[in-house]
Amino acid sequence: MSEEARAVPSSTILMIRTGEAPCEVLMVERHYQIDFASGALVFPGGKLAAEDHAPDWADHVDAAPGTDDQAYRIGALREAYEESGLLLARPRTARGPGAPLLGAAALQPLLPHREAVASGKASFLALIREAGLVLALDTLTPFAHWVTPKGMPKRFDTWFYVAVAPDEQIAACDGSEAVDACWIAPRAALDAAVQGTRKIIFPTRMNLEMLAATDTVEAALAAARTRRIVSVEPQVIRDETGALILTIPEEAGYPVTREPLEGNA
């Protein structure tokens, strides 16, 4: 019997803003040569790096009281920086939960280092420390927790966070893992998936459904802050006709809890 694949710790961030629609979310299109979700429209995110767990981060983060998921939050902000160029950080000299975030001009010197950080050739912690910054972990609100079902060849233990994008910063894809970056209303992304103009994998689509249930950035944040996070590990069952159905727990609060397995593999 083959050994069960371990669920790899991962983080994803729903970066939202008020734009042409009352609530838009940043999504990136994954490169077609990547082995997982190639060509799919996703939120910035990925596997945690060993450095995300480094104890030295303690002096270089603003964290909300009681935060026990620091590595996941660091991973989410690192992935957003790598894939979109957005960075939720503050000057160390003006730190503190709720303090203003880094502007576009102050971020500019850090952007040339994105590729080196993403490839592991440069330390994200060293970059933040040498730039005199702290990561604004307090800006992240837990949104969802998904675990890839047992039996799958690749498994991820993923925390989804939601945060408001900095006003002055401009998102741009990295051209490596992501080949496109766009701000899109959640319902518009879902409609594109139905029409077949965009590929969106099941967990991403379900979290777009959750986000689309609120109309504005403020409402999305308020809902996330009050929602009880229920871990979701999709299951495959057979319905009364014998068809394979993908299910998720009703108590997780998603508007859709059952779908045919076909097309969601």
Protein backbone atom coordinates (compact mmCIF):
# COMPACT_ATOMS: atom_id res chain seq x y z
CA MET A 1 0.00 0.00 0.00
CA SER A 2 1.39 3.40 -0.94
CA GLU A 3 2.02 5.93 1.81
CA GLU A 4 -0.68 8.56 2.30
CA ALA A 5 0.36 11.98 0.95
CA ARG A 6 0.88 14.55 3.72
CA ALA A 7 -1.21 17.70 3.58
CA VAL A 8 1.33 20.48 3.02
CA PRO A 9 0.75 23.69 5.04
CA SER A 10 -0.26 26.50 2.67
CA SER A 11 -1.71 30.00 2.73
CA THR A 12 -3.93 31.96 0.36
CA ILE A 13 -5.03 35.59 0.49
CA LEU A 14 -8.21 37.20 -0.81
CA MET A 15 -7.00 40.75 -1.39
CA ILE A 16 -10.08 42.94 -1.82
CA ARG A 17 -10.76 46.55 -2.75
CA THR A 18 -13.50 48.91 -3.87
CA GLY A 19 -13.01 49.53 -7.59
CA GLU A 20 -15.37 49.51 -10.53
CA ALA A 21 -17.49 47.17 -8.40
CA PRO A 22 -18.21 47.70 -4.67
CA CYS A 23 -16.03 44.67 -3.96
CA GLU A 24 -13.28 43.34 -6.23
CA VAL A 25 -10.82 40.57 -5.44
CA LEU A 26 -7.31 40.15 -6.81
CA MET A 27 -6.85 36.95 -8.80
CA VAL A 28 -3.88 35.63 -10.73
CA GLU A 29 -3.76 33.15 -13.58
CA ARG A 30 -1.35 30.31 -12.90
CA HIS A 31 1.25 29.42 -15.51
CA TYR A 32 0.23 26.60 -17.84
CA GLN A 33 3.44 24.68 -17.11
CA ILE A 34 2.85 24.49 -13.35
CA ASP A 35 1.84 21.00 -12.24
CA PHE A 36 -0.99 22.04 -9.89
CA ALA A 37 -4.02 24.03 -11.15
CA SER A 38 -2.18 25.03 -14.31
CA GLY A 39 -3.96 27.82 -16.19
CA ALA A 40 -6.46 28.34 -13.36
CA LEU A 41 -7.57 31.68 -11.96
CA VAL A 42 -6.66 31.62 -8.25
CA PHE A 43 -6.02 33.89 -5.30
CA PRO A 44 -2.32 34.57 -4.60
CA GLY A 45 -0.97 31.82 -2.38
CA GLY A 46 1.17 28.74 -2.02
CA LYS A 47 3.09 26.45 0.29
CA LEU A 48 4.68 27.78 3.46
CA ALA A 49 8.45 28.19 3.32
CA ALA A 50 10.72 27.01 6.11
CA GLU A 51 11.62 30.64 6.84
CA ASP A 52 7.96 31.51 7.49
CA HIS A 53 8.38 29.64 10.81
CA ALA A 54 11.60 31.43 11.83
CA PRO A 55 11.51 32.73 15.44
CA ASP A 56 13.36 35.88 14.30
CA TRP A 57 10.12 37.12 12.73
CA ALA A 58 8.87 38.07 16.22
CA ASP A 59 10.57 41.47 15.99
CA HIS A 60 9.43 42.12 12.43
CA VAL A 61 5.67 41.64 12.51
CA ASP A 62 2.65 43.49 13.86
CA ALA A 63 0.35 40.75 15.08
CA ALA A 64 -3.09 40.92 16.64
CA PRO A 65 -3.25 39.74 20.27
CA GLY A 66 -3.66 36.00 20.57
CA THR A 67 -2.41 35.22 17.05
CA ASP A 68 -1.34 31.57 16.90
CA ASP A 69 -1.11 31.19 13.12
CA GLN A 70 1.83 33.50 12.54
CA ALA A 71 3.65 31.30 9.98
CA TYR A 72 0.49 30.99 7.87
CA ARG A 73 0.00 34.76 7.91
CA ILE A 74 3.63 35.41 7.00
CA GLY A 75 3.29 32.88 4.17
CA ALA A 76 0.16 34.61 2.87
CA LEU A 77 1.86 38.03 2.77
CA ARG A 78 5.03 36.61 1.24
CA GLU A 79 3.05 34.88 -1.52
CA ALA A 80 1.09 38.08 -2.23
CA TYR A 81 4.38 39.97 -2.57
CA GLU A 82 5.90 37.32 -4.83
CA GLU A 83 2.91 36.84 -7.12
CA SER A 84 1.34 40.31 -7.24
CA GLY A 85 3.88 42.79 -5.89
CA LEU A 86 1.51 43.91 -3.12
CA LEU A 87 3.00 44.06 0.36
CA LEU A 88 1.06 44.64 3.57
CA ALA A 89 3.79 46.18 5.71
CA ARG A 90 4.68 49.28 7.71
CA PRO A 91 7.84 51.19 8.57
CA ARG A 92 9.30 49.85 11.80
CA THR A 93 9.44 53.44 13.06
CA ALA A 94 5.67 53.82 12.65
CA ARG A 95 4.49 50.35 13.55
CA GLY A 96 1.48 49.12 15.45
CA PRO A 97 -1.77 47.33 14.56
CA GLY A 98 -3.94 49.68 12.52
CA ALA A 99 -1.11 52.05 11.56
CA PRO A 100 -0.91 53.20 7.90
CA LEU A 101 0.53 50.73 5.40
CA LEU A 102 3.45 51.15 3.06
CA GLY A 103 2.81 53.36 0.04
CA ALA A 104 3.81 52.71 -3.56
CA ALA A 105 6.95 54.88 -3.47
CA ALA A 106 8.33 53.18 -0.36
CA LEU A 107 7.57 49.74 -1.84
CA GLN A 108 9.35 50.40 -5.16
CA PRO A 109 12.90 49.46 -4.00
CA LEU A 110 11.64 46.04 -2.85
CA LEU A 111 9.96 45.01 -6.10
CA PRO A 112 13.16 43.97 -7.95
CA HIS A 113 13.70 41.29 -5.28
CA ARG A 114 10.43 39.43 -5.90
CA GLU A 115 11.90 36.76 -8.17
CA ALA A 116 14.84 36.05 -5.88
CA VAL A 117 12.55 35.64 -2.87
CA ALA A 118 10.16 33.42 -4.83
CA SER A 119 12.99 31.16 -6.02
CA GLY A 120 14.53 30.90 -2.56
CA LYS A 121 17.69 32.75 -3.61
CA ALA A 122 16.94 35.62 -1.24
CA SER A 123 15.55 35.74 2.28
CA PHE A 124 12.16 37.44 2.72
CA LEU A 125 12.93 37.98 6.41
CA ALA A 126 16.25 39.66 5.57
CA LEU A 127 14.56 41.85 2.96
CA ILE A 128 11.94 43.05 5.45
CA ARG A 129 14.53 43.58 8.19
CA GLU A 130 16.99 45.48 5.99
CA ALA A 131 14.20 47.66 4.59
CA GLY A 132 13.23 48.69 8.12
CA LEU A 133 9.72 47.25 7.84
CA VAL A 134 7.31 45.05 9.79
CA LEU A 135 4.71 42.79 8.20
CA ALA A 136 1.14 43.86 8.99
CA LEU A 137 -0.19 40.47 10.08
CA ASP A 138 -3.00 42.27 11.91
CA THR A 139 -4.58 43.22 8.57
CA LEU A 140 -5.43 39.57 7.81
CA THR A 141 -8.76 38.07 8.85
CA PRO A 142 -9.21 34.28 8.64
CA PHE A 143 -11.69 33.48 5.88
CA ALA A 144 -11.66 29.69 5.44
CA HIS A 145 -9.70 26.50 6.08
CA TRP A 146 -9.56 23.74 3.45
CA VAL A 147 -7.76 20.39 3.45
CA THR A 148 -7.34 18.31 0.29
CA PRO A 149 -9.10 14.93 0.68
CA LYS A 150 -7.10 11.83 1.58
CA GLY A 151 -6.17 9.69 -1.39
CA MET A 152 -5.22 12.61 -3.62
CA PRO A 153 -1.62 12.61 -4.93
CA LYS A 154 -1.09 16.22 -3.82
CA ARG A 155 -2.63 17.43 -0.58
CA PHE A 156 -2.68 20.89 0.99
CA ASP A 157 -3.71 22.19 4.41
CA THR A 158 -4.66 25.72 3.41
CA TRP A 159 -5.72 28.75 5.40
CA PHE A 160 -7.51 31.46 3.41
CA TYR A 161 -7.27 35.05 4.67
CA VAL A 162 -9.03 38.22 3.54
CA ALA A 163 -7.45 41.69 3.62
CA VAL A 164 -7.98 45.12 2.10
CA ALA A 165 -5.39 46.04 -0.53
CA PRO A 166 -3.23 49.11 0.14
CA ASP A 167 -4.68 52.12 -1.68
CA GLU A 168 -1.53 53.27 -3.46
CA GLN A 169 0.07 49.96 -4.42
CA ILE A 170 -0.39 48.50 -7.90
CA ALA A 171 -0.69 44.75 -8.51
CA ALA A 172 1.32 43.14 -11.29
CA CYS A 173 1.85 39.42 -11.94
CA ASP A 174 5.32 37.91 -11.54
CA GLY A 175 5.38 36.38 -15.03
CA SER A 176 6.63 33.10 -13.59
CA GLU A 177 4.09 31.28 -11.41
CA ALA A 178 1.42 33.78 -12.51
CA VAL A 179 0.99 35.05 -16.06
CA ASP A 180 -1.84 37.50 -15.42
CA ALA A 181 -3.26 39.50 -12.52
CA CYS A 182 -6.68 41.10 -12.45
CA TRP A 183 -9.15 42.76 -10.12
CA ILE A 184 -12.54 41.17 -10.62
CA ALA A 185 -15.92 41.12 -8.90
CA PRO A 186 -16.47 37.68 -7.33
CA ARG A 187 -19.73 37.13 -9.25
CA ALA A 188 -18.04 38.08 -12.53
CA ALA A 189 -15.34 35.47 -11.89
CA LEU A 190 -17.98 32.83 -11.15
CA ASP A 191 -19.88 33.74 -14.32
CA ALA A 192 -16.68 33.41 -16.35
CA ALA A 193 -16.16 29.91 -14.95
CA VAL A 194 -19.71 28.92 -15.94
CA GLN A 195 -19.19 30.35 -19.43
CA GLY A 196 -15.92 28.48 -19.78
CA THR A 197 -13.79 31.57 -20.35
CA ARG A 198 -11.93 31.04 -17.07
CA LYS A 199 -10.74 27.87 -15.32
CA ILE A 200 -11.46 27.98 -11.59
CA ILE A 201 -10.84 24.98 -9.32
CA PHE A 202 -13.41 23.87 -6.75
CA PRO A 203 -11.97 25.40 -3.52
CA THR A 204 -11.39 28.75 -5.24
CA ARG A 205 -14.90 28.73 -6.68
CA MET A 206 -16.51 27.92 -3.33
CA ASN A 207 -14.66 30.78 -1.64
CA LEU A 208 -15.67 33.12 -4.46
CA GLU A 209 -19.27 32.05 -3.72
CA MET A 210 -18.73 32.93 -0.06
CA LEU A 211 -17.23 36.31 -0.95
CA ALA A 212 -20.00 37.03 -3.47
CA ALA A 213 -22.59 36.62 -0.71
CA THR A 214 -21.54 40.08 0.55
CA ASP A 215 -21.87 43.26 -1.49
CA THR A 216 -19.04 45.48 -0.28
CA VAL A 217 -15.53 45.35 1.13
CA GLU A 218 -16.85 46.39 4.54
CA ALA A 219 -19.52 43.68 4.51
CA ALA A 220 -17.01 41.03 3.43
CA LEU A 221 -14.69 41.89 6.32
CA ALA A 222 -17.53 42.03 8.84
CA ALA A 223 -18.82 38.62 7.73
CA ALA A 224 -15.35 37.05 7.97
CA ARG A 225 -14.77 38.48 11.45
CA THR A 226 -17.98 36.99 12.81
CA ARG A 227 -18.07 33.68 10.91
CA ARG A 228 -17.02 30.50 12.70
CA ILE A 229 -14.35 28.83 10.59
CA VAL A 230 -15.21 25.18 9.95
CA SER A 231 -12.47 23.07 8.36
CA VAL A 232 -13.51 21.76 4.96
CA GLU A 233 -12.24 18.44 3.63
CA PRO A 234 -14.39 17.60 0.59
CA GLN A 235 -15.79 14.08 0.40
CA VAL A 236 -16.97 12.02 -2.56
CA ILE A 237 -20.26 10.11 -2.13
CA ARG A 238 -22.80 8.45 -4.41
CA ASP A 239 -26.26 9.94 -4.61
CA GLU A 240 -29.50 8.00 -5.01
CA THR A 241 -28.85 7.60 -8.75
CA GLY A 242 -25.35 6.25 -8.21
CA ALA A 243 -23.65 9.40 -9.49
CA LEU A 244 -20.50 10.57 -7.74
CA ILE A 245 -21.08 13.77 -5.78
CA LEU A 246 -18.54 16.10 -4.20
CA THR A 247 -19.75 17.33 -0.81
CA ILE A 248 -18.58 19.78 1.83
CA PRO A 249 -19.97 20.32 5.36
CA GLU A 250 -23.15 22.41 5.51
CA GLU A 251 -21.99 23.97 8.78
CA ALA A 252 -19.07 25.62 6.93
CA GLY A 253 -21.60 28.17 5.64
CA TYR A 254 -21.08 27.90 1.87
CA PRO A 255 -24.11 28.53 -0.37
CA VAL A 256 -23.24 25.39 -2.38
CA THR A 257 -22.49 22.11 -0.54
CA ARG A 258 -23.03 19.40 -3.20
CA GLU A 259 -21.89 19.21 -6.82
CA PRO A 260 -21.30 16.44 -9.39
CA LEU A 261 -17.72 15.23 -9.21
CA GLU A 262 -17.32 15.56 -12.98
CA GLY A 263 -15.45 18.74 -13.74
CA ASN A 264 -14.25 19.20 -10.13
CA ALA A 265 -11.45 16.67 -10.03
